[in-house]
Amino acid sequence: MAAFRATMVCMSAVLATAVAAGLGLPASAQVLNPGANGNGLILQNDLQALQNRVQRQQFQQQQQQYRAQDRVIVQQPPPVVPQVRPSCQTQIIGSTAVSTCR
């Protein structure tokens, strides 16, 4: 049991180093000290599962950041629409504009 804990501590340190450096270990990573009774395959699968979990968490965090950016609503001023009254007429008399509305 002590050998298993030592191996798990070693694997955790390797995984933490790889994540901190921003490097992913290859999927075919081998454990140097597999222990007895075929625990090497189990430990390798555990390491792969941990890597997958870290990658999934990073992906989810990035997606949350993207969603937060998409939620930012930029307030735009309302468009200026000229209003024209069809019943009004503008007449130019000399240099003066005269409007007659009915």
Protein backbone atom coordinates (compact mmCIF):
# COMPACT_ATOMS: atom_id res chain seq x y z
CA MET A 1 0.00 0.00 0.00
CA ALA A 2 2.91 2.35 0.73
CA ALA A 3 4.33 1.72 -2.76
CA PHE A 4 0.96 2.60 -4.28
CA ARG A 5 0.84 5.90 -2.35
CA ALA A 6 4.40 6.73 -3.37
CA THR A 7 3.54 6.04 -6.99
CA MET A 8 0.41 8.20 -6.77
CA VAL A 9 2.43 11.06 -5.22
CA CYS A 10 4.97 10.74 -8.04
CA MET A 11 2.22 10.74 -10.67
CA SER A 12 0.57 13.78 -9.08
CA ALA A 13 3.87 15.65 -9.13
CA VAL A 14 4.45 14.78 -12.78
CA LEU A 15 0.93 15.86 -13.70
CA ALA A 16 1.22 19.12 -11.76
CA THR A 17 4.55 19.88 -13.45
CA ALA A 18 3.09 19.17 -16.89
CA VAL A 19 0.02 21.32 -16.26
CA ALA A 20 2.07 24.18 -14.80
CA ALA A 21 4.37 24.14 -17.81
CA GLY A 22 1.39 24.05 -20.15
CA LEU A 23 2.49 20.78 -21.67
CA GLY A 24 0.34 17.68 -21.99
CA LEU A 25 1.95 14.33 -21.62
CA PRO A 26 1.43 11.98 -24.57
CA ALA A 27 -1.45 9.52 -24.37
CA SER A 28 0.98 6.60 -24.39
CA ALA A 29 2.79 7.71 -21.22
CA GLN A 30 4.32 4.84 -19.29
CA VAL A 31 4.73 4.63 -15.52
CA LEU A 32 8.35 3.82 -14.67
CA ASN A 33 7.56 1.93 -11.48
CA PRO A 34 4.36 -0.01 -12.21
CA GLY A 35 4.31 -2.00 -8.97
CA ALA A 36 3.04 -5.56 -8.70
CA ASN A 37 0.01 -7.43 -10.02
CA GLY A 38 -0.44 -5.38 -13.18
CA ASN A 39 -1.04 -2.04 -11.45
CA GLY A 40 0.96 -0.35 -14.21
CA LEU A 41 -1.98 -0.36 -16.60
CA ILE A 42 -4.33 0.90 -13.89
CA LEU A 43 -1.95 3.73 -12.97
CA GLN A 44 -1.51 4.65 -16.63
CA ASN A 45 -5.30 4.80 -17.03
CA ASP A 46 -5.56 6.94 -13.88
CA LEU A 47 -2.96 9.32 -15.27
CA GLN A 48 -4.83 9.56 -18.57
CA ALA A 49 -8.10 10.17 -16.72
CA LEU A 50 -6.49 12.99 -14.72
CA GLN A 51 -5.11 14.55 -17.88
CA ASN A 52 -8.52 14.34 -19.55
CA ARG A 53 -10.15 15.95 -16.52
CA VAL A 54 -7.67 18.84 -16.51
CA GLN A 55 -8.12 19.40 -20.24
CA ARG A 56 -11.92 19.31 -19.86
CA GLN A 57 -11.78 21.86 -17.02
CA GLN A 58 -9.55 24.17 -19.06
CA PHE A 59 -11.90 23.87 -22.03
CA GLN A 60 -14.94 24.62 -19.87
CA GLN A 61 -13.26 27.67 -18.34
CA GLN A 62 -12.40 28.99 -21.77
CA GLN A 63 -15.98 28.45 -22.94
CA GLN A 64 -17.27 30.34 -19.88
CA GLN A 65 -14.98 33.24 -20.74
CA TYR A 66 -16.22 33.27 -24.31
CA ARG A 67 -19.85 33.22 -23.12
CA ALA A 68 -19.19 36.09 -20.72
CA GLN A 69 -17.70 38.12 -23.57
CA ASP A 70 -20.72 37.36 -25.75
CA ARG A 71 -23.11 38.52 -23.01
CA VAL A 72 -21.61 42.01 -22.90
CA ILE A 73 -24.23 44.21 -24.52
CA VAL A 74 -23.01 47.41 -26.10
CA GLN A 75 -25.58 50.17 -25.66
CA GLN A 76 -26.11 51.97 -28.93
CA PRO A 77 -27.99 55.24 -29.18
CA PRO A 78 -31.41 55.02 -30.79
CA PRO A 79 -31.36 55.88 -34.47
CA VAL A 80 -32.31 59.41 -35.43
CA VAL A 81 -35.32 59.17 -37.69
CA PRO A 82 -36.56 62.37 -39.31
CA GLN A 83 -40.27 62.88 -38.93
CA VAL A 84 -42.11 64.27 -41.90
CA ARG A 85 -45.66 65.47 -41.64
CA PRO A 86 -47.32 64.80 -44.98
CA SER A 87 -49.98 67.48 -44.49
CA CYS A 88 -47.44 70.31 -44.31
CA GLN A 89 -46.15 72.23 -47.27
CA THR A 90 -43.10 74.42 -47.34
CA GLN A 91 -43.06 77.40 -49.64
CA ILE A 92 -40.08 79.57 -50.37
CA ILE A 93 -41.01 83.23 -50.56
CA GLY A 94 -37.95 85.32 -51.32
CA SER A 95 -35.31 84.15 -48.86
CA THR A 96 -37.84 82.91 -46.28
CA ALA A 97 -39.30 79.41 -45.92
CA VAL A 98 -42.94 79.38 -44.88
CA SER A 99 -44.67 76.17 -43.74
CA THR A 100 -48.40 75.79 -43.87
CA CYS A 101 -49.86 72.83 -42.04
CA ARG A 102 -53.49 71.82 -42.08
